[in-house]
């Protein structure tokens, strides 16, 4: 009978410890959630800024290309 009581006691202790660990993990995840959401929003802002910079670079490159093309056309015309 003593072995059965010890076995039940060990199971009860294990269950209590498991529930405490689950509660701690749940609490830790609840604490980390706003931080992860903040990081996600900052990553989105960063990505939007990179996209905007790429669009600006593309527009500037197109403008520069057209200026160079126009200058080369003018120089060919002047040479002829």
N, C-alpha and C. Protein backbone atom coordinates (compact mmCIF):
# COMPACT_ATOMS: atom_id res chain seq x y z
N UNK A 1 0.81 -1.18 0.00
CA UNK A 1 0.00 0.00 0.00
C UNK A 1 0.86 1.26 0.00
N UNK A 2 1.99 1.17 0.67
CA UNK A 2 2.86 2.33 0.74
C UNK A 2 3.41 2.66 -0.65
N UNK A 3 3.71 1.62 -1.43
CA UNK A 3 4.20 1.86 -2.79
C UNK A 3 3.14 2.53 -3.64
N UNK A 4 1.89 2.14 -3.50
CA UNK A 4 0.80 2.73 -4.26
C UNK A 4 0.62 4.20 -3.88
N UNK A 5 0.72 4.50 -2.59
CA UNK A 5 0.59 5.90 -2.15
C UNK A 5 1.75 6.73 -2.68
N UNK A 6 2.96 6.16 -2.65
CA UNK A 6 4.12 6.88 -3.17
C UNK A 6 3.98 7.12 -4.66
N UNK A 7 3.46 6.12 -5.37
CA UNK A 7 3.27 6.24 -6.81
C UNK A 7 2.26 7.33 -7.13
N UNK A 8 1.13 7.33 -6.41
CA UNK A 8 0.11 8.35 -6.61
C UNK A 8 0.65 9.73 -6.24
N UNK A 9 1.43 9.78 -5.17
CA UNK A 9 2.01 11.04 -4.74
C UNK A 9 2.99 11.57 -5.79
N UNK A 10 3.78 10.70 -6.38
CA UNK A 10 4.74 11.11 -7.40
C UNK A 10 4.00 11.60 -8.64
N UNK A 11 2.92 10.93 -9.00
CA UNK A 11 2.12 11.37 -10.14
C UNK A 11 1.49 12.74 -9.88
N UNK A 12 0.98 12.92 -8.66
CA UNK A 12 0.36 14.20 -8.31
C UNK A 12 1.40 15.32 -8.36
N UNK A 13 2.57 15.06 -7.83
CA UNK A 13 3.65 16.07 -7.86
C UNK A 13 4.04 16.38 -9.29
N UNK A 14 4.13 15.35 -10.13
CA UNK A 14 4.49 15.56 -11.53
C UNK A 14 3.42 16.38 -12.24
N UNK A 15 2.14 16.08 -11.98
CA UNK A 15 1.04 16.83 -12.59
C UNK A 15 1.06 18.29 -12.16
N UNK A 16 1.28 18.52 -10.87
CA UNK A 16 1.34 19.90 -10.36
C UNK A 16 2.50 20.66 -10.99
N UNK A 17 3.63 19.98 -11.08
CA UNK A 17 4.80 20.62 -11.67
C UNK A 17 4.55 20.92 -13.15
N UNK A 18 3.91 19.99 -13.84
CA UNK A 18 3.60 20.20 -15.26
C UNK A 18 2.64 21.37 -15.44
N UNK A 19 1.63 21.47 -14.58
CA UNK A 19 0.68 22.58 -14.69
C UNK A 19 1.37 23.90 -14.36
N UNK A 20 2.30 23.93 -13.41
CA UNK A 20 3.04 25.16 -13.11
C UNK A 20 3.92 25.56 -14.28
N UNK A 21 4.55 24.57 -14.91
CA UNK A 21 5.40 24.87 -16.06
C UNK A 21 4.56 25.38 -17.22
N UNK A 22 3.39 24.81 -17.44
CA UNK A 22 2.51 25.25 -18.51
C UNK A 22 2.03 26.68 -18.24
N UNK A 23 1.71 26.97 -16.98
CA UNK A 23 1.27 28.32 -16.63
C UNK A 23 2.41 29.32 -16.84
N UNK A 24 3.61 28.93 -16.47
CA UNK A 24 4.77 29.82 -16.66
C UNK A 24 5.03 30.06 -18.14
N UNK A 25 4.94 29.01 -18.93
CA UNK A 25 5.16 29.16 -20.37
C UNK A 25 4.08 30.04 -20.99
N UNK A 26 2.85 29.84 -20.57
CA UNK A 26 1.75 30.66 -21.08
C UNK A 26 1.96 32.12 -20.71
N UNK A 27 2.36 32.37 -19.49
CA UNK A 27 2.60 33.73 -19.04
C UNK A 27 3.76 34.35 -19.82
N UNK A 28 4.81 33.58 -20.04
CA UNK A 28 5.95 34.08 -20.80
C UNK A 28 5.58 34.42 -22.24
N UNK A 29 4.76 33.59 -22.86
CA UNK A 29 4.32 33.86 -24.23
C UNK A 29 3.41 35.07 -24.28
N UNK A 30 2.57 35.24 -23.27
CA UNK A 30 1.71 36.42 -23.23
C UNK A 30 2.52 37.70 -23.07
N UNK A 31 3.61 37.61 -22.33
CA UNK A 31 4.48 38.78 -22.15
C UNK A 31 5.24 39.07 -23.45
N UNK A 32 5.65 38.03 -24.14
CA UNK A 32 6.44 38.20 -25.36
C UNK A 32 5.60 38.64 -26.56
N UNK A 33 4.31 38.41 -26.53
CA UNK A 33 3.46 38.70 -27.69
C UNK A 33 3.51 40.17 -28.12
N UNK A 34 3.37 41.16 -27.22
CA UNK A 34 3.45 42.55 -27.68
C UNK A 34 4.81 42.90 -28.28
N UNK A 35 5.86 42.33 -27.72
CA UNK A 35 7.20 42.58 -28.25
C UNK A 35 7.34 42.02 -29.66
N UNK A 36 6.82 40.85 -29.89
CA UNK A 36 6.88 40.24 -31.23
C UNK A 36 6.02 41.05 -32.20
N UNK A 37 4.87 41.51 -31.76
CA UNK A 37 4.02 42.34 -32.61
C UNK A 37 4.72 43.66 -32.96
N UNK A 38 5.41 44.24 -32.00
CA UNK A 38 6.15 45.47 -32.26
C UNK A 38 7.26 45.22 -33.27
N UNK A 39 8.00 44.13 -33.09
CA UNK A 39 9.06 43.80 -34.04
C UNK A 39 8.49 43.59 -35.44
N UNK A 40 7.34 42.94 -35.53
CA UNK A 40 6.71 42.71 -36.82
C UNK A 40 6.33 44.03 -37.49
N UNK A 41 5.77 44.93 -36.71
CA UNK A 41 5.38 46.22 -37.29
C UNK A 41 6.61 47.01 -37.72
N UNK A 42 7.68 46.95 -36.96
CA UNK A 42 8.91 47.65 -37.34
C UNK A 42 9.51 47.04 -38.61
N UNK A 43 9.41 45.74 -38.75
CA UNK A 43 9.90 45.08 -39.96
C UNK A 43 9.08 45.50 -41.17
N UNK A 44 7.78 45.64 -40.99
CA UNK A 44 6.92 46.11 -42.09
C UNK A 44 7.29 47.53 -42.50
N UNK A 45 7.54 48.40 -41.51
CA UNK A 45 7.93 49.78 -41.80
C UNK A 45 9.26 49.79 -42.56
N UNK A 46 10.19 48.96 -42.11
CA UNK A 46 11.49 48.88 -42.76
C UNK A 46 11.33 48.41 -44.21
N UNK A 47 10.49 47.40 -44.42
CA UNK A 47 10.27 46.89 -45.78
C UNK A 47 9.63 47.95 -46.67
N UNK A 48 8.67 48.69 -46.12
CA UNK A 48 8.05 49.76 -46.90
C UNK A 48 9.07 50.84 -47.27
N UNK A 49 9.95 51.17 -46.34
CA UNK A 49 10.98 52.17 -46.64
C UNK A 49 11.94 51.68 -47.72
N UNK A 50 12.29 50.40 -47.66
CA UNK A 50 13.18 49.83 -48.68
C UNK A 50 12.49 49.86 -50.04
N UNK A 51 11.21 49.52 -50.08
CA UNK A 51 10.46 49.56 -51.34
C UNK A 51 10.39 50.98 -51.89
N UNK A 52 10.15 51.95 -51.02
CA UNK A 52 10.09 53.35 -51.45
C UNK A 52 11.45 53.80 -51.99
N UNK A 53 12.51 53.40 -51.32
CA UNK A 53 13.86 53.76 -51.79
C UNK A 53 14.13 53.13 -53.15
N UNK A 54 13.69 51.90 -53.35
CA UNK A 54 13.88 51.23 -54.64
C UNK A 54 13.11 51.95 -55.74
N UNK A 55 11.87 52.37 -55.43
CA UNK A 55 11.10 53.11 -56.43
C UNK A 55 11.76 54.45 -56.77
N UNK A 56 12.24 55.15 -55.76
CA UNK A 56 12.93 56.42 -55.99
C UNK A 56 14.19 56.22 -56.82
N UNK A 57 14.93 55.16 -56.50
CA UNK A 57 16.16 54.86 -57.25
C UNK A 57 15.82 54.57 -58.71
N UNK A 58 14.76 53.80 -58.92
CA UNK A 58 14.35 53.46 -60.28
C UNK A 58 13.95 54.70 -61.07
N UNK A 59 13.18 55.59 -60.43
CA UNK A 59 12.78 56.83 -61.10
C UNK A 59 14.00 57.68 -61.44
N UNK A 60 14.92 57.80 -60.50
CA UNK A 60 16.14 58.59 -60.74
C UNK A 60 16.98 57.97 -61.84
N UNK A 61 17.06 56.66 -61.86
CA UNK A 61 17.84 55.97 -62.89
C UNK A 61 17.22 56.20 -64.26
N UNK A 62 15.88 56.12 -64.33
CA UNK A 62 15.20 56.37 -65.60
C UNK A 62 15.42 57.80 -66.07
N UNK A 63 15.35 58.75 -65.15
CA UNK A 63 15.56 60.16 -65.51
C UNK A 63 16.99 60.36 -65.99
N UNK A 64 17.95 59.79 -65.31
CA UNK A 64 19.35 59.91 -65.70
C UNK A 64 19.59 59.26 -67.06
N UNK A 65 18.98 58.11 -67.27
CA UNK A 65 19.13 57.43 -68.56
C UNK A 65 18.58 58.29 -69.70
N UNK A 66 17.43 58.92 -69.47
CA UNK A 66 16.86 59.74 -70.53
C UNK A 66 17.72 60.98 -70.78
N UNK A 67 18.32 61.55 -69.76
CA UNK A 67 19.21 62.70 -69.94
C UNK A 67 20.44 62.29 -70.73
N UNK A 68 21.03 61.15 -70.38
CA UNK A 68 22.22 60.67 -71.09
C UNK A 68 21.87 60.37 -72.55
N UNK A 69 20.72 59.74 -72.75
CA UNK A 69 20.29 59.43 -74.12
C UNK A 69 20.08 60.70 -74.93
N UNK A 70 19.48 61.70 -74.31
CA UNK A 70 19.24 62.97 -75.00
C UNK A 70 20.57 63.66 -75.32
N UNK A 71 21.51 63.62 -74.39
CA UNK A 71 22.81 64.23 -74.64
C UNK A 71 23.56 63.53 -75.77
N UNK A 72 23.48 62.19 -75.77
CA UNK A 72 24.17 61.46 -76.84
C UNK A 72 23.51 61.73 -78.20
N UNK A 73 22.20 61.86 -78.22
CA UNK A 73 21.49 62.21 -79.46
C UNK A 73 21.90 63.60 -79.94
N UNK A 74 21.99 64.54 -79.01
CA UNK A 74 22.40 65.91 -79.36
C UNK A 74 23.83 65.94 -79.86
N UNK A 75 24.71 65.16 -79.24
CA UNK A 75 26.11 65.18 -79.67
C UNK A 75 26.27 64.53 -81.05
N UNK A 76 25.47 63.50 -81.33
CA UNK A 76 25.50 62.86 -82.66
C UNK A 76 24.99 63.83 -83.71
N UNK A 77 23.94 64.54 -83.37
CA UNK A 77 23.38 65.51 -84.29
C UNK A 77 24.36 66.65 -84.58
N UNK A 78 25.03 67.08 -83.52
CA UNK A 78 26.02 68.15 -83.69
C UNK A 78 27.22 67.68 -84.52
N UNK A 79 27.58 66.41 -84.36
CA UNK A 79 28.72 65.86 -85.09
C UNK A 79 28.38 65.69 -86.58
N UNK A 80 27.15 65.49 -86.89
CA UNK A 80 26.76 65.27 -88.29
C UNK A 80 26.58 66.52 -89.02
